[in-house]
Amino acid sequence: MAVKIQTIKDIRFYLAKELTNVYKETEIRALADVLIKTVTRTTKLHQLYDNGYLVTRGDAEKIIEITEELKTGRPIQYVLGEMTFYNCIIKVNSSTFIPRPETEELVDLIIRENKGYNGNIIDFGVGSGCIAIALAANLPSAMLTGIEISEDAIRIAQENAVLNKVKVSFIKGDIFTLDQEVVGKAGIIVSNPPYVRNSEKPLIAKNVLDFEPHLALFVTDSDPLKYYKTILKLADKILLPGGRLYFEINEAMGRSLNLLFESFEYSEIEIVRDINNKERIIKARKNG
C-alpha cells in the first residue's frame, strides 16, 4: 500500500486530497465522517474526531478502495450498499433511488399526524422500501402495502423489510394499469413518485444523472403530474372516506398540485415546506 494511512487525521487528509476535484469541501468532510464511522466501526464521537485515533491496515486499504470508487462520482450510498433512513438501515443499489432527507420529513409528518393508526397504508412506487419500512417500524399497528414496477427494487425492498424486522406486503404492479382489487382499501396513501421534469436535468448533479435510475426520477414536461393524477384516480376507488393522502412533490409545482387536488374535491389541502423552506409535501383529506 503506497499511501500511508495510520490515523483518523490521515484518512481526512487523504480524502481531502483525492476528492477535491469531485466534491465540495463540505461534502468531503461529510463523506469522511460516514466512511470513518462505517469502515472503522467507530461509534464514539470522541474517536470519530480524534485525529490521533489509530486505524488498522485493513481499514486503511478499504478506505483507499472506496475512495477510488468515489472519484468516479458514484454516490457513497451505492458504494457502501446501505444507508440510514429514519433510524432504519436501508440497502440500496443502482435499481433504487437514494432516499433524501425531504423524504424523511414526509415520513415524519405521517407518523406525527397518525399516531396509533391501525388501518391500511399503501405506498405507491416503493423503490428501496424506505417509506413503507419506516412507517411500519413506527406505526406498528398499521398494515403496509407497497406497489412497485421494478422487480429488482422489490427484491431490495423485501430484504430491507427483513433487515428491519417489519412486515410489508410488496406487490409488483404498474400504477397505470393496476387492478384496484389487488391492493384493497386504505386509510392512508403515500407516494414519492418521479417528479423532476426533463427540462430540469441540467440542474441535477452529475452523480445523480450518471448513477441513479432515471425511471424513478424524471417525467416529461408535457405531463409532469401524470403520476399524481393516476394515483388520485386510484384513490377515488381505494382511499376510504376521510382518508389521508401524502405526496412528496417538485418544489416548483405546489400550485399546480393544489389545483389538481381541488379538482378531485379533496379537503384540508396543505402544501408543507421542508427544512430548507421549499414546498416539498402536499397532503389532503378525502371527503366522506
Protein backbone atom coordinates (compact mmCIF):
# COMPACT_ATOMS: atom_id res chain seq x y z
CA MET A 1 0.00 0.00 0.00
CA ALA A 2 1.84 3.08 -1.29
CA VAL A 3 -0.41 5.52 0.57
CA LYS A 4 0.29 5.65 4.30
CA ILE A 5 -2.88 5.88 6.38
CA GLN A 6 -2.49 5.20 10.08
CA THR A 7 -4.80 7.62 11.87
CA ILE A 8 -8.15 9.39 11.55
CA LYS A 9 -6.21 12.53 10.61
CA ASP A 10 -4.55 10.62 7.76
CA ILE A 11 -7.96 9.50 6.45
CA ARG A 12 -9.31 13.05 6.42
CA PHE A 13 -6.17 14.40 4.73
CA TYR A 14 -6.22 11.63 2.12
CA LEU A 15 -9.89 12.16 1.25
CA ALA A 16 -9.46 15.93 1.03
CA LYS A 17 -6.55 15.46 -1.39
CA GLU A 18 -8.11 12.73 -3.54
CA LEU A 19 -11.66 14.05 -3.81
CA THR A 20 -11.06 17.77 -4.16
CA ASN A 21 -11.89 17.76 -7.89
CA VAL A 22 -15.09 15.74 -7.42
CA TYR A 23 -16.78 17.14 -4.30
CA LYS A 24 -17.06 20.41 -2.42
CA GLU A 25 -15.09 20.80 0.82
CA THR A 26 -18.21 20.48 2.97
CA GLU A 27 -19.23 17.32 1.10
CA ILE A 28 -15.79 15.79 1.61
CA ARG A 29 -16.00 16.40 5.35
CA ALA A 30 -19.41 14.72 5.45
CA LEU A 31 -18.11 11.79 3.37
CA ALA A 32 -15.16 11.45 5.72
CA ASP A 33 -17.47 11.17 8.75
CA VAL A 34 -19.57 8.49 7.04
CA LEU A 35 -16.53 6.48 5.89
CA ILE A 36 -14.75 6.65 9.23
CA LYS A 37 -17.85 5.53 11.12
CA THR A 38 -18.70 2.78 8.62
CA VAL A 39 -15.28 1.34 7.86
CA THR A 40 -13.65 1.61 11.28
CA ARG A 41 -16.95 0.86 13.06
CA THR A 42 -16.31 3.88 15.26
CA THR A 43 -19.41 4.69 17.32
CA LYS A 44 -17.98 7.15 19.85
CA LEU A 45 -17.82 10.81 18.84
CA HIS A 46 -14.52 11.42 20.61
CA GLN A 47 -12.93 8.71 18.46
CA LEU A 48 -14.52 9.99 15.24
CA TYR A 49 -12.86 13.37 15.73
CA ASP A 50 -9.67 12.17 17.46
CA ASN A 51 -7.02 12.86 14.83
CA GLY A 52 -4.60 10.50 16.54
CA TYR A 53 -7.00 7.55 16.71
CA LEU A 54 -5.27 4.58 15.03
CA VAL A 55 -6.86 2.55 12.24
CA THR A 56 -5.96 -0.94 11.11
CA ARG A 57 -4.13 -1.70 7.88
CA GLY A 58 -7.24 -3.47 6.58
CA ASP A 59 -9.43 -0.43 7.28
CA ALA A 60 -6.91 1.85 5.59
CA GLU A 61 -6.92 -0.34 2.49
CA LYS A 62 -10.72 -0.32 2.49
CA ILE A 63 -10.75 3.49 2.67
CA ILE A 64 -8.46 3.69 -0.36
CA GLU A 65 -10.60 1.21 -2.28
CA ILE A 66 -13.79 3.14 -1.54
CA THR A 67 -12.13 6.44 -2.41
CA GLU A 68 -11.29 5.16 -5.88
CA GLU A 69 -14.99 4.45 -6.44
CA LEU A 70 -15.99 7.84 -5.06
CA LYS A 71 -13.63 9.53 -7.53
CA THR A 72 -15.85 8.24 -10.35
CA GLY A 73 -18.76 10.21 -8.86
CA ARG A 74 -20.60 7.09 -7.73
CA PRO A 75 -22.75 8.01 -4.70
CA ILE A 76 -21.38 6.81 -1.38
CA GLN A 77 -24.69 5.10 -0.60
CA TYR A 78 -24.19 2.81 -3.61
CA VAL A 79 -20.52 2.28 -2.77
CA LEU A 80 -21.35 1.19 0.78
CA GLY A 81 -24.56 -0.56 -0.29
CA GLU A 82 -26.66 0.84 2.54
CA MET A 83 -27.65 3.96 4.43
CA THR A 84 -29.63 5.07 7.46
CA PHE A 85 -33.15 6.36 6.87
CA TYR A 86 -35.37 7.43 9.77
CA ASN A 87 -33.43 5.11 12.11
CA CYS A 88 -33.80 2.18 9.70
CA ILE A 89 -30.95 0.52 7.81
CA ILE A 90 -31.82 0.64 4.10
CA LYS A 91 -29.87 -1.28 1.48
CA VAL A 92 -29.67 0.49 -1.88
CA ASN A 93 -28.28 -0.29 -5.30
CA SER A 94 -28.45 1.08 -8.83
CA SER A 95 -32.04 -0.19 -9.15
CA THR A 96 -33.23 2.08 -6.36
CA PHE A 97 -33.33 5.84 -5.92
CA ILE A 98 -31.27 7.03 -2.95
CA PRO A 99 -33.65 8.30 -0.23
CA ARG A 100 -33.30 12.00 0.55
CA PRO A 101 -33.76 13.99 3.79
CA GLU A 102 -37.00 15.53 2.47
CA THR A 103 -38.44 12.02 2.22
CA GLU A 104 -37.61 11.52 5.89
CA GLU A 105 -39.59 14.70 6.54
CA LEU A 106 -42.53 13.19 4.65
CA VAL A 107 -42.35 10.04 6.79
CA ASP A 108 -42.04 12.09 9.98
CA LEU A 109 -45.13 14.11 9.10
CA ILE A 110 -47.20 10.96 8.50
CA ILE A 111 -46.08 9.42 11.79
CA ARG A 112 -46.76 12.58 13.80
CA GLU A 113 -50.24 13.01 12.33
CA ASN A 114 -51.31 9.38 12.59
CA LYS A 115 -50.09 8.06 15.94
CA GLY A 116 -51.86 4.83 16.88
CA TYR A 117 -53.20 4.35 13.35
CA ASN A 118 -54.26 0.72 12.82
CA GLY A 119 -55.55 0.62 9.26
CA ASN A 120 -54.03 0.01 5.83
CA ILE A 121 -51.35 2.25 4.31
CA ILE A 122 -50.45 1.98 0.63
CA ASP A 123 -47.12 3.28 -0.69
CA PHE A 124 -47.05 3.73 -4.46
CA GLY A 125 -43.59 3.39 -6.03
CA VAL A 126 -41.68 1.94 -3.08
CA GLY A 127 -38.16 1.78 -4.56
CA SER A 128 -35.90 0.65 -1.73
CA GLY A 129 -38.94 0.37 0.53
CA CYS A 130 -37.69 3.12 2.84
CA ILE A 131 -41.04 4.91 3.31
CA ALA A 132 -43.12 1.77 3.90
CA ILE A 133 -40.48 0.24 6.18
CA ALA A 134 -40.04 3.37 8.30
CA LEU A 135 -43.83 3.68 8.63
CA ALA A 136 -44.15 0.01 9.57
CA ALA A 137 -41.43 0.40 12.21
CA ASN A 138 -43.03 3.50 13.74
CA LEU A 139 -46.74 2.73 13.28
CA PRO A 140 -46.68 -0.90 14.44
CA SER A 141 -50.46 -1.34 14.38
CA ALA A 142 -50.72 -0.31 10.71
CA MET A 143 -50.67 -2.71 7.75
CA LEU A 144 -48.33 -1.65 4.94
CA THR A 145 -48.59 -2.45 1.23
CA GLY A 146 -46.01 -1.29 -1.30
CA ILE A 147 -46.58 -1.12 -5.08
CA GLU A 148 -43.53 -1.14 -7.36
CA ILE A 149 -42.98 -1.84 -11.06
CA SER A 150 -39.31 -2.88 -10.78
CA GLU A 151 -38.64 -6.48 -9.75
CA ASP A 152 -35.08 -5.57 -8.75
CA ALA A 153 -36.35 -2.80 -6.49
CA ILE A 154 -38.88 -5.16 -4.90
CA ARG A 155 -36.11 -7.64 -4.08
CA ILE A 156 -34.15 -4.92 -2.29
CA ALA A 157 -37.29 -3.67 -0.51
CA GLN A 158 -38.06 -7.19 0.71
CA GLU A 159 -34.50 -7.56 2.02
CA ASN A 160 -34.85 -4.24 3.82
CA ALA A 161 -38.11 -5.29 5.45
CA VAL A 162 -36.45 -8.44 6.79
CA LEU A 163 -33.37 -6.48 7.87
CA ASN A 164 -35.53 -4.07 9.87
CA LYS A 165 -37.83 -6.78 11.22
CA VAL A 166 -41.05 -5.29 9.86
CA LYS A 167 -43.87 -6.69 7.76
CA VAL A 168 -44.69 -5.04 4.45
CA SER A 169 -46.58 -6.66 1.56
CA PHE A 170 -44.84 -5.76 -1.68
CA ILE A 171 -46.77 -6.11 -4.94
CA LYS A 172 -45.30 -5.86 -8.43
CA GLY A 173 -47.53 -3.57 -10.40
CA ASP A 174 -47.75 -0.67 -12.81
CA ILE A 175 -49.93 2.09 -11.34
CA PHE A 176 -51.17 2.97 -14.83
CA THR A 177 -52.73 -0.49 -15.29
CA LEU A 178 -53.15 -1.56 -11.68
CA ASP A 179 -56.21 -3.59 -10.68
CA GLN A 180 -57.66 -1.87 -7.61
CA GLU A 181 -58.78 -5.21 -6.23
CA VAL A 182 -55.12 -6.23 -5.83
CA VAL A 183 -54.41 -3.56 -3.22
CA GLY A 184 -57.78 -3.25 -1.47
CA LYS A 185 -58.94 -0.29 0.59
CA ALA A 186 -56.71 2.01 2.63
CA GLY A 187 -57.00 4.89 5.08
CA ILE A 188 -53.66 6.43 4.08
CA ILE A 189 -51.95 6.64 0.70
CA VAL A 190 -48.39 7.90 0.34
CA SER A 191 -46.10 8.30 -2.64
CA ASN A 192 -42.82 9.86 -3.68
CA PRO A 193 -43.29 9.48 -7.44
CA PRO A 194 -40.98 10.71 -10.23
CA TYR A 195 -41.42 14.49 -10.42
CA VAL A 196 -38.27 16.05 -11.93
CA ARG A 197 -39.09 17.44 -15.37
CA ASN A 198 -36.78 16.54 -18.24
CA SER A 199 -36.09 20.24 -18.74
CA GLU A 200 -34.64 20.34 -15.20
CA LYS A 201 -31.93 17.78 -15.95
CA PRO A 202 -29.24 20.50 -16.35
CA LEU A 203 -29.90 21.44 -12.71
CA ILE A 204 -29.35 17.90 -11.44
CA ALA A 205 -25.96 16.84 -10.06
CA LYS A 206 -23.87 14.74 -12.43
CA ASN A 207 -23.50 11.86 -9.97
CA VAL A 208 -27.31 11.64 -9.76
CA LEU A 209 -27.72 11.67 -13.55
CA ASP A 210 -24.95 9.14 -14.09
CA PHE A 211 -25.83 6.62 -11.41
CA GLU A 212 -29.43 6.83 -10.13
CA PRO A 213 -32.34 5.23 -12.05
CA HIS A 214 -33.98 7.77 -14.37
CA LEU A 215 -37.26 5.83 -14.19
CA ALA A 216 -37.53 6.86 -10.54
CA LEU A 217 -36.62 10.49 -11.20
CA PHE A 218 -37.89 12.05 -14.40
CA VAL A 219 -41.18 12.93 -16.05
CA THR A 220 -41.96 14.61 -19.35
CA ASP A 221 -42.55 18.35 -19.43
CA SER A 222 -45.75 17.75 -21.36
CA ASP A 223 -47.37 15.83 -18.48
CA PRO A 224 -45.32 16.33 -15.29
CA LEU A 225 -48.22 15.46 -12.96
CA LYS A 226 -49.14 12.16 -14.60
CA TYR A 227 -48.20 10.02 -11.57
CA TYR A 228 -50.17 12.25 -9.20
CA LYS A 229 -53.22 12.21 -11.48
CA THR A 230 -53.11 8.43 -11.76
CA ILE A 231 -52.78 7.88 -8.02
CA LEU A 232 -55.61 10.32 -7.34
CA LYS A 233 -57.81 8.36 -9.76
CA LEU A 234 -56.91 5.16 -7.90
CA ALA A 235 -57.56 6.90 -4.59
CA ASP A 236 -61.10 7.66 -5.78
CA LYS A 237 -61.71 3.93 -5.58
CA ILE A 238 -59.41 2.65 -2.81
CA LEU A 239 -58.98 5.51 -0.29
CA LEU A 240 -61.60 5.36 2.43
CA PRO A 241 -63.82 8.41 3.10
CA GLY A 242 -61.90 10.72 5.42
CA GLY A 243 -58.66 9.04 4.43
CA ARG A 244 -55.42 10.97 4.08
CA LEU A 245 -53.12 11.32 1.10
CA TYR A 246 -49.47 12.42 1.31
CA PHE A 247 -47.14 13.16 -1.63
CA GLU A 248 -43.59 14.36 -1.97
CA ILE A 249 -43.55 16.99 -4.71
CA ASN A 250 -41.42 19.12 -7.02
CA GLU A 251 -40.91 22.47 -5.27
CA ALA A 252 -41.95 24.28 -8.46
CA MET A 253 -45.31 22.53 -8.77
CA GLY A 254 -47.10 23.18 -5.50
CA ARG A 255 -49.74 25.46 -7.01
CA SER A 256 -50.46 23.07 -9.89
CA LEU A 257 -50.87 20.18 -7.48
CA ASN A 258 -53.11 22.23 -5.20
CA LEU A 259 -55.41 22.88 -8.16
CA LEU A 260 -55.28 19.19 -9.10
CA PHE A 261 -56.35 18.16 -5.59
CA GLU A 262 -59.17 20.69 -5.69
CA SER A 263 -60.38 19.22 -8.97
CA PHE A 264 -60.69 15.86 -7.18
CA GLU A 265 -62.65 17.62 -4.41
CA TYR A 266 -60.21 16.92 -1.57
CA SER A 267 -60.39 18.97 1.61
CA GLU A 268 -57.74 20.20 4.08
CA ILE A 269 -55.28 20.57 1.22
CA GLU A 270 -51.97 21.87 2.50
CA ILE A 271 -48.52 22.44 1.00
CA VAL A 272 -45.79 21.75 3.56
CA ARG A 273 -42.35 23.33 3.34
CA ASP A 274 -39.25 21.31 4.21
CA ILE A 275 -36.35 22.30 6.46
CA ASN A 276 -34.90 24.31 3.55
CA ASN A 277 -38.18 26.24 3.15
CA LYS A 278 -39.00 24.51 -0.14
CA GLU A 279 -42.51 23.29 -0.96
CA ARG A 280 -41.87 19.54 -0.79
CA ILE A 281 -45.03 17.87 0.50
CA ILE A 282 -48.72 18.08 -0.27
CA LYS A 283 -51.29 16.48 1.99
CA ALA A 284 -55.08 16.34 1.90
CA ARG A 285 -58.13 14.52 3.21
CA LYS A 286 -60.68 12.70 1.09
CA ASN A 287 -64.20 13.97 1.60
CA GLY A 288 -66.66 11.46 3.02
